[in-house]
Amino acid sequence: MTDTSTGPQDAAGGASRASMWLGGGLAVVLLAAIGATGGWLLAGDGDGSQGDPLAVATTTGPPTSRATAARPSTGRATPSAVRTSAAATKGTGLTVPPVLGVDFVQAREMLRERRLGWRLVFGGGAGSSVESAAPPVGTAVSRGTTVELQVAGPAPAAEVPDVVGKDCAKAVDKLIDEGLYPRYISGRSGKVARQEPVEGGSARWNDEVSIWCGAGAPEQPTVKPSP
């Protein structure tokens, strides 16, 4: 006698397994869709507005041999890499200005006026004129693009300003105006309680000035360097 009692169970088991396979397939599809959406959200649409231009300082010769910090953000989004493709620059009319042979301080101002970033690379020759630019002069660029300026001679002396008591963001702008760059020790908001080197200290272009911002920062020492 043939036992047919397991027929319904097999049918039910098959239906259950089919449901499991179907459910797993749907889960995979849903996960794939979620993953794709997550990637799109992380990547963005690529059309975000440009932030403040970067100002990065480097040097290849004496008296300094290290790279200093990039210009800090003022709270607006700053892209980690600025696109300079034809699609990004089409119709802007913005190009790298004629900086070759120009004193690097003046060349920097030409870039700032155009809302371009700058990277100063000092050499071991003589003079303060710009020998080359990258991207080259005349290249179509987008606002915020960093232009590297190769300077003939070494980094000249810079005047360390007194930024103690100033708002941290304004202090940073003052340092950058003098060719120096901030090194944050205790935050990036509030007033500057201390700086090193102090006003009148020894420094050259591209050097860092350590600043302590915000509540709880140590007070500025009262001793200043002898003239």
C-alpha atoms as a PDB file:
ATOM      1  CA  MET A   1       0.000   0.000   0.000  1.00  0.00           C
ATOM      2  CA  THR A   2       1.361   3.284  -1.060  1.00  0.00           C
ATOM      3  CA  ASP A   3       1.588   5.988   1.606  1.00  0.00           C
ATOM      4  CA  THR A   4       0.238   9.239   0.157  1.00  0.00           C
ATOM      5  CA  SER A   5       0.041  11.070   3.456  1.00  0.00           C
ATOM      6  CA  THR A   6       3.226  13.035   2.741  1.00  0.00           C
ATOM      7  CA  GLY A   7       1.934  14.541  -0.493  1.00  0.00           C
ATOM      8  CA  PRO A   8       0.352  17.648   1.039  1.00  0.00           C
ATOM      9  CA  GLN A   9       3.383  18.095   3.289  1.00  0.00           C
ATOM     10  CA  ASP A  10       5.742  17.969   0.287  1.00  0.00           C
ATOM     11  CA  ALA A  11       3.563  20.434  -1.524  1.00  0.00           C
ATOM     12  CA  ALA A  12       3.510  22.717   1.476  1.00  0.00           C
ATOM     13  CA  GLY A  13       7.285  22.329   1.871  1.00  0.00           C
ATOM     14  CA  GLY A  14       7.828  23.172  -1.790  1.00  0.00           C
ATOM     15  CA  ALA A  15       5.629  26.228  -1.490  1.00  0.00           C
ATOM     16  CA  SER A  16       7.500  27.267   1.633  1.00  0.00           C
ATOM     17  CA  ARG A  17      10.864  26.844  -0.090  1.00  0.00           C
ATOM     18  CA  ALA A  18       9.628  28.786  -3.099  1.00  0.00           C
ATOM     19  CA  SER A  19       8.454  31.567  -0.826  1.00  0.00           C
ATOM     20  CA  MET A  20      11.853  31.595   0.872  1.00  0.00           C
ATOM     21  CA  TRP A  21      13.666  31.796  -2.485  1.00  0.00           C
ATOM     22  CA  LEU A  22      11.289  34.483  -3.675  1.00  0.00           C
ATOM     23  CA  GLY A  23      11.668  36.416  -0.443  1.00  0.00           C
ATOM     24  CA  GLY A  24      15.465  36.111  -0.624  1.00  0.00           C
ATOM     25  CA  GLY A  25      15.437  37.352  -4.217  1.00  0.00           C
ATOM     26  CA  LEU A  26      13.308  40.316  -3.251  1.00  0.00           C
ATOM     27  CA  ALA A  27      15.614  41.013  -0.330  1.00  0.00           C
ATOM     28  CA  VAL A  28      18.635  41.026  -2.627  1.00  0.00           C
ATOM     29  CA  VAL A  29      16.888  43.358  -5.040  1.00  0.00           C
ATOM     30  CA  LEU A  30      15.837  45.660  -2.212  1.00  0.00           C
ATOM     31  CA  LEU A  31      19.330  45.681  -0.710  1.00  0.00           C
ATOM     32  CA  ALA A  32      20.819  46.441  -4.086  1.00  0.00           C
ATOM     33  CA  ALA A  33      18.373  49.301  -4.547  1.00  0.00           C
ATOM     34  CA  ILE A  34      19.091  50.659  -1.077  1.00  0.00           C
ATOM     35  CA  GLY A  35      22.817  50.361  -1.678  1.00  0.00           C
ATOM     36  CA  ALA A  36      22.555  52.250  -4.945  1.00  0.00           C
ATOM     37  CA  THR A  37      20.458  54.952  -3.316  1.00  0.00           C
ATOM     38  CA  GLY A  38      22.902  55.213  -0.425  1.00  0.00           C
ATOM     39  CA  GLY A  39      25.797  55.627  -2.854  1.00  0.00           C
ATOM     40  CA  TRP A  40      23.950  58.358  -4.726  1.00  0.00           C
ATOM     41  CA  LEU A  41      23.210  60.164  -1.474  1.00  0.00           C
ATOM     42  CA  LEU A  42      26.840  59.975  -0.386  1.00  0.00           C
ATOM     43  CA  ALA A  43      28.195  61.022  -3.733  1.00  0.00           C
ATOM     44  CA  GLY A  44      25.690  63.785  -4.361  1.00  0.00           C
ATOM     45  CA  ASP A  45      24.725  65.040  -7.761  1.00  0.00           C
ATOM     46  CA  GLY A  46      28.042  66.795  -8.361  1.00  0.00           C
ATOM     47  CA  ASP A  47      26.434  70.203  -8.887  1.00  0.00           C
ATOM     48  CA  GLY A  48      27.025  71.652  -5.429  1.00  0.00           C
ATOM     49  CA  SER A  49      28.131  75.261  -5.151  1.00  0.00           C
ATOM     50  CA  GLN A  50      31.806  76.070  -4.856  1.00  0.00           C
ATOM     51  CA  GLY A  51      33.083  77.115  -1.448  1.00  0.00           C
ATOM     52  CA  ASP A  52      35.846  79.480  -0.473  1.00  0.00           C
ATOM     53  CA  PRO A  53      39.050  79.042  -2.458  1.00  0.00           C
ATOM     54  CA  LEU A  54      41.847  77.103  -0.879  1.00  0.00           C
ATOM     55  CA  ALA A  55      45.124  78.716   0.028  1.00  0.00           C
ATOM     56  CA  VAL A  56      47.791  76.077   0.460  1.00  0.00           C
ATOM     57  CA  ALA A  57      51.373  76.917   1.239  1.00  0.00           C
ATOM     58  CA  THR A  58      54.346  74.771   0.320  1.00  0.00           C
ATOM     59  CA  THR A  59      58.013  75.316  -0.263  1.00  0.00           C
ATOM     60  CA  THR A  60      60.814  73.397  -1.959  1.00  0.00           C
ATOM     61  CA  GLY A  61      63.829  75.200  -0.591  1.00  0.00           C
ATOM     62  CA  PRO A  62      65.192  77.002   2.443  1.00  0.00           C
ATOM     63  CA  PRO A  63      64.376  78.453   4.889  1.00  0.00           C
ATOM     64  CA  THR A  64      61.379  76.138   5.399  1.00  0.00           C
ATOM     65  CA  SER A  65      60.870  72.680   3.977  1.00  0.00           C
ATOM     66  CA  ARG A  66      57.428  71.616   5.093  1.00  0.00           C
ATOM     67  CA  ALA A  67      53.933  72.070   3.816  1.00  0.00           C
ATOM     68  CA  THR A  68      51.572  74.094   5.956  1.00  0.00           C
ATOM     69  CA  ALA A  69      47.852  73.848   6.462  1.00  0.00           C
ATOM     70  CA  ALA A  70      45.253  74.639   3.859  1.00  0.00           C
ATOM     71  CA  ARG A  71      43.154  77.733   4.301  1.00  0.00           C
ATOM     72  CA  PRO A  72      40.456  76.870   6.830  1.00  0.00           C
ATOM     73  CA  SER A  73      36.804  76.757   5.929  1.00  0.00           C
ATOM     74  CA  THR A  74      34.601  79.662   6.980  1.00  0.00           C
ATOM     75  CA  GLY A  75      31.619  77.372   7.474  1.00  0.00           C
ATOM     76  CA  ARG A  76      30.599  77.073   3.851  1.00  0.00           C
ATOM     77  CA  ALA A  77      31.211  73.873   1.955  1.00  0.00           C
ATOM     78  CA  THR A  78      34.693  73.655   0.460  1.00  0.00           C
ATOM     79  CA  PRO A  79      35.163  70.895  -2.135  1.00  0.00           C
ATOM     80  CA  SER A  80      38.092  68.561  -1.543  1.00  0.00           C
ATOM     81  CA  ALA A  81      38.874  68.702  -5.247  1.00  0.00           C
ATOM     82  CA  VAL A  82      37.722  71.381  -7.639  1.00  0.00           C
ATOM     83  CA  ARG A  83      36.822  70.169 -11.094  1.00  0.00           C
ATOM     84  CA  THR A  84      38.417  71.991 -13.987  1.00  0.00           C
ATOM     85  CA  SER A  85      36.907  70.016 -16.841  1.00  0.00           C
ATOM     86  CA  ALA A  86      35.342  71.677 -19.842  1.00  0.00           C
ATOM     87  CA  ALA A  87      31.896  70.882 -18.448  1.00  0.00           C
ATOM     88  CA  ALA A  88      32.707  72.612 -15.166  1.00  0.00           C
ATOM     89  CA  THR A  89      34.260  75.704 -16.761  1.00  0.00           C
ATOM     90  CA  LYS A  90      32.116  76.123 -19.849  1.00  0.00           C
ATOM     91  CA  GLY A  91      30.659  79.601 -20.062  1.00  0.00           C
ATOM     92  CA  THR A  92      32.419  80.963 -16.948  1.00  0.00           C
ATOM     93  CA  GLY A  93      34.975  83.040 -18.856  1.00  0.00           C
ATOM     94  CA  LEU A  94      37.373  82.609 -15.938  1.00  0.00           C
ATOM     95  CA  THR A  95      41.003  81.856 -16.764  1.00  0.00           C
ATOM     96  CA  VAL A  96      44.330  81.779 -14.918  1.00  0.00           C
ATOM     97  CA  PRO A  97      45.561  85.405 -15.004  1.00  0.00           C
ATOM     98  CA  PRO A  98      48.963  86.478 -16.434  1.00  0.00           C
ATOM     99  CA  VAL A  99      51.062  85.939 -13.328  1.00  0.00           C
ATOM    100  CA  LEU A 100      54.391  84.980 -14.933  1.00  0.00           C
ATOM    101  CA  GLY A 101      57.148  87.425 -14.065  1.00  0.00           C
ATOM    102  CA  VAL A 102      54.940  89.116 -11.477  1.00  0.00           C
ATOM    103  CA  ASP A 103      55.948  89.465  -7.816  1.00  0.00           C
ATOM    104  CA  PHE A 104      54.324  86.572  -5.969  1.00  0.00           C
ATOM    105  CA  VAL A 105      52.477  88.869  -3.547  1.00  0.00           C
ATOM    106  CA  GLN A 106      50.835  90.684  -6.447  1.00  0.00           C
ATOM    107  CA  ALA A 107      50.180  87.390  -8.220  1.00  0.00           C
ATOM    108  CA  ARG A 108      48.442  86.078  -5.130  1.00  0.00           C
ATOM    109  CA  GLU A 109      46.185  89.134  -5.058  1.00  0.00           C
ATOM    110  CA  MET A 110      45.322  88.601  -8.730  1.00  0.00           C
ATOM    111  CA  LEU A 111      44.143  85.100  -7.856  1.00  0.00           C
ATOM    112  CA  ARG A 112      42.224  86.245  -4.792  1.00  0.00           C
ATOM    113  CA  GLU A 113      40.381  88.888  -6.806  1.00  0.00           C
ATOM    114  CA  ARG A 114      39.176  86.129  -9.117  1.00  0.00           C
ATOM    115  CA  ARG A 115      38.152  83.882  -6.229  1.00  0.00           C
ATOM    116  CA  LEU A 116      40.867  81.387  -7.066  1.00  0.00           C
ATOM    117  CA  GLY A 117      42.968  79.523  -4.539  1.00  0.00           C
ATOM    118  CA  TRP A 118      46.739  79.609  -4.517  1.00  0.00           C
ATOM    119  CA  ARG A 119      49.667  77.391  -3.632  1.00  0.00           C
ATOM    120  CA  LEU A 120      53.032  79.076  -3.174  1.00  0.00           C
ATOM    121  CA  VAL A 121      56.115  76.970  -3.849  1.00  0.00           C
ATOM    122  CA  PHE A 122      59.353  78.788  -3.080  1.00  0.00           C
ATOM    123  CA  GLY A 123      62.572  77.826  -4.819  1.00  0.00           C
ATOM    124  CA  GLY A 124      66.287  78.166  -4.216  1.00  0.00           C
ATOM    125  CA  GLY A 125      67.043  80.861  -6.763  1.00  0.00           C
ATOM    126  CA  ALA A 126      66.890  84.619  -6.501  1.00  0.00           C
ATOM    127  CA  GLY A 127      64.007  87.069  -6.670  1.00  0.00           C
ATOM    128  CA  SER A 128      60.339  86.984  -5.803  1.00  0.00           C
ATOM    129  CA  SER A 129      58.797  86.678  -9.256  1.00  0.00           C
ATOM    130  CA  VAL A 130      56.565  83.838 -10.387  1.00  0.00           C
ATOM    131  CA  GLU A 131      58.356  81.482 -12.785  1.00  0.00           C
ATOM    132  CA  SER A 132      55.492  79.142 -13.610  1.00  0.00           C
ATOM    133  CA  ALA A 133      51.852  78.468 -12.864  1.00  0.00           C
ATOM    134  CA  ALA A 134      49.824  75.265 -12.818  1.00  0.00           C
ATOM    135  CA  PRO A 135      47.324  75.262 -14.441  1.00  0.00           C
ATOM    136  CA  PRO A 136      49.163  77.420 -17.001  1.00  0.00           C
ATOM    137  CA  VAL A 137      48.258  81.045 -17.627  1.00  0.00           C
ATOM    138  CA  GLY A 138      45.166  81.351 -19.813  1.00  0.00           C
ATOM    139  CA  THR A 139      43.706  77.987 -18.819  1.00  0.00           C
ATOM    140  CA  ALA A 140      39.939  78.034 -18.317  1.00  0.00           C
ATOM    141  CA  VAL A 141      39.151  77.277 -14.668  1.00  0.00           C
ATOM    142  CA  SER A 142      36.208  77.314 -12.288  1.00  0.00           C
ATOM    143  CA  ARG A 143      35.922  79.492  -9.210  1.00  0.00           C
ATOM    144  CA  GLY A 144      37.777  77.957  -6.292  1.00  0.00           C
ATOM    145  CA  THR A 145      40.424  76.215  -8.407  1.00  0.00           C
ATOM    146  CA  THR A 146      43.837  76.203  -6.737  1.00  0.00           C
ATOM    147  CA  VAL A 147      46.669  77.583  -8.855  1.00  0.00           C
ATOM    148  CA  GLU A 148      50.210  76.575  -7.946  1.00  0.00           C
ATOM    149  CA  LEU A 149      52.732  79.392  -8.241  1.00  0.00           C
ATOM    150  CA  GLN A 150      56.430  78.526  -8.481  1.00  0.00           C
ATOM    151  CA  VAL A 151      58.452  81.412  -7.003  1.00  0.00           C
ATOM    152  CA  ALA A 152      62.072  81.885  -8.048  1.00  0.00           C
ATOM    153  CA  GLY A 153      63.616  82.598  -4.647  1.00  0.00           C
ATOM    154  CA  PRO A 154      63.188  81.388  -1.061  1.00  0.00           C
ATOM    155  CA  ALA A 155      60.386  82.399   1.263  1.00  0.00           C
ATOM    156  CA  PRO A 156      60.954  85.951   2.547  1.00  0.00           C
ATOM    157  CA  ALA A 157      60.471  87.103   6.123  1.00  0.00           C
ATOM    158  CA  ALA A 158      56.900  87.622   7.279  1.00  0.00           C
ATOM    159  CA  GLU A 159      55.514  89.855  10.000  1.00  0.00           C
ATOM    160  CA  VAL A 160      53.674  87.985  12.746  1.00  0.00           C
ATOM    161  CA  PRO A 161      50.551  89.997  13.657  1.00  0.00           C
ATOM    162  CA  ASP A 162      48.931  90.169  17.067  1.00  0.00           C
ATOM    163  CA  VAL A 163      45.737  88.121  16.846  1.00  0.00           C
ATOM    164  CA  VAL A 164      45.142  87.554  20.556  1.00  0.00           C
ATOM    165  CA  GLY A 165      41.644  88.656  21.538  1.00  0.00           C
ATOM    166  CA  LYS A 166      40.363  88.511  17.968  1.00  0.00           C
ATOM    167  CA  ASP A 167      37.599  86.217  16.787  1.00  0.00           C
ATOM    168  CA  CYS A 168      39.199  82.997  15.579  1.00  0.00           C
ATOM    169  CA  ALA A 169      37.977  83.355  11.980  1.00  0.00           C
ATOM    170  CA  LYS A 170      39.141  86.973  11.734  1.00  0.00           C
ATOM    171  CA  ALA A 171      42.486  86.006  13.236  1.00  0.00           C
ATOM    172  CA  VAL A 172      42.916  83.354  10.556  1.00  0.00           C
ATOM    173  CA  ASP A 173      42.179  85.886   7.814  1.00  0.00           C
ATOM    174  CA  LYS A 174      44.777  88.219   9.312  1.00  0.00           C
ATOM    175  CA  LEU A 175      47.415  85.482   9.370  1.00  0.00           C
ATOM    176  CA  ILE A 176      46.712  84.532   5.765  1.00  0.00           C
ATOM    177  CA  ASP A 177      46.932  88.180   4.714  1.00  0.00           C
ATOM    178  CA  GLU A 178      50.468  88.216   6.135  1.00  0.00           C
ATOM    179  CA  GLY A 179      51.443  85.030   4.296  1.00  0.00           C
ATOM    180  CA  LEU A 180      51.152  82.827   7.383  1.00  0.00           C
ATOM    181  CA  TYR A 181      48.832  79.925   8.162  1.00  0.00           C
ATOM    182  CA  PRO A 182      47.025  78.838  11.329  1.00  0.00           C
ATOM    183  CA  ARG A 183      47.666  75.727  13.350  1.00  0.00           C
ATOM    184  CA  TYR A 184      44.654  75.101  15.551  1.00  0.00           C
ATOM    185  CA  ILE A 185      45.508  73.853  19.013  1.00  0.00           C
ATOM    186  CA  SER A 186      42.190  74.058  20.893  1.00  0.00           C
ATOM    187  CA  GLY A 187      39.250  74.496  18.577  1.00  0.00           C
ATOM    188  CA  ARG A 188      38.257  76.797  15.741  1.00  0.00           C
ATOM    189  CA  SER A 189      35.676  79.056  17.342  1.00  0.00           C
ATOM    190  CA  GLY A 190      35.640  81.783  19.966  1.00  0.00           C
ATOM    191  CA  LYS A 191      38.368  84.313  20.593  1.00  0.00           C
ATOM    192  CA  VAL A 192      42.095  83.682  20.366  1.00  0.00           C
ATOM    193  CA  ALA A 193      43.558  83.396  23.862  1.00  0.00           C
ATOM    194  CA  ARG A 194      47.123  82.604  22.835  1.00  0.00           C
ATOM    195  CA  GLN A 195      49.401  82.463  19.808  1.00  0.00           C
ATOM    196  CA  GLU A 196      52.917  81.170  19.067  1.00  0.00           C
ATOM    197  CA  PRO A 197      55.043  82.822  17.882  1.00  0.00           C
ATOM    198  CA  VAL A 198      53.804  86.028  19.466  1.00  0.00           C
ATOM    199  CA  GLU A 199      53.559  89.368  17.709  1.00  0.00           C
ATOM    200  CA  GLY A 200      56.889  90.342  16.211  1.00  0.00           C
ATOM    201  CA  GLY A 201      58.235  86.780  16.397  1.00  0.00           C
ATOM    202  CA  SER A 202      60.490  85.300  13.748  1.00  0.00           C
ATOM    203  CA  ALA A 203      58.653  83.831  10.770  1.00  0.00           C
ATOM    204  CA  ARG A 204      58.743  83.503   7.003  1.00  0.00           C
ATOM    205  CA  TRP A 205      56.064  83.129   4.374  1.00  0.00           C
ATOM    206  CA  ASN A 206      54.298  79.766   4.607  1.00  0.00           C
ATOM    207  CA  ASP A 207      55.171  79.348   8.281  1.00  0.00           C
ATOM    208  CA  GLU A 208      52.490  78.276  10.735  1.00  0.00           C
ATOM    209  CA  VAL A 209      51.306  80.242  13.736  1.00  0.00           C
ATOM    210  CA  SER A 210      49.769  78.168  16.505  1.00  0.00           C
ATOM    211  CA  ILE A 211      46.563  79.637  17.905  1.00  0.00           C
ATOM    212  CA  TRP A 212      44.406  78.626  20.855  1.00  0.00           C
ATOM    213  CA  CYS A 213      40.739  79.501  20.310  1.00  0.00           C
ATOM    214  CA  GLY A 214      37.726  79.260  22.573  1.00  0.00           C
ATOM    215  CA  ALA A 215      36.989  78.879  26.248  1.00  0.00           C
ATOM    216  CA  GLY A 216      39.565  77.033  28.299  1.00  0.00           C
ATOM    217  CA  ALA A 217      42.495  78.042  26.116  1.00  0.00           C
ATOM    218  CA  PRO A 218      45.629  79.029  28.046  1.00  0.00           C
ATOM    219  CA  GLU A 219      46.301  82.717  28.439  1.00  0.00           C
ATOM    220  CA  GLN A 220      48.856  84.478  26.270  1.00  0.00           C
ATOM    221  CA  PRO A 221      52.301  84.762  27.887  1.00  0.00           C
ATOM    222  CA  THR A 222      53.233  88.351  28.697  1.00  0.00           C
ATOM    223  CA  VAL A 223      56.860  88.005  27.608  1.00  0.00           C
ATOM    224  CA  LYS A 224      57.549  89.042  24.025  1.00  0.00           C
ATOM    225  CA  PRO A 225      60.759  88.504  22.088  1.00  0.00           C
ATOM    226  CA  SER A 226      63.493  91.097  22.482  1.00  0.00           C
ATOM    227  CA  PRO A 227      64.095  93.268  19.435  1.00  0.00           C
END
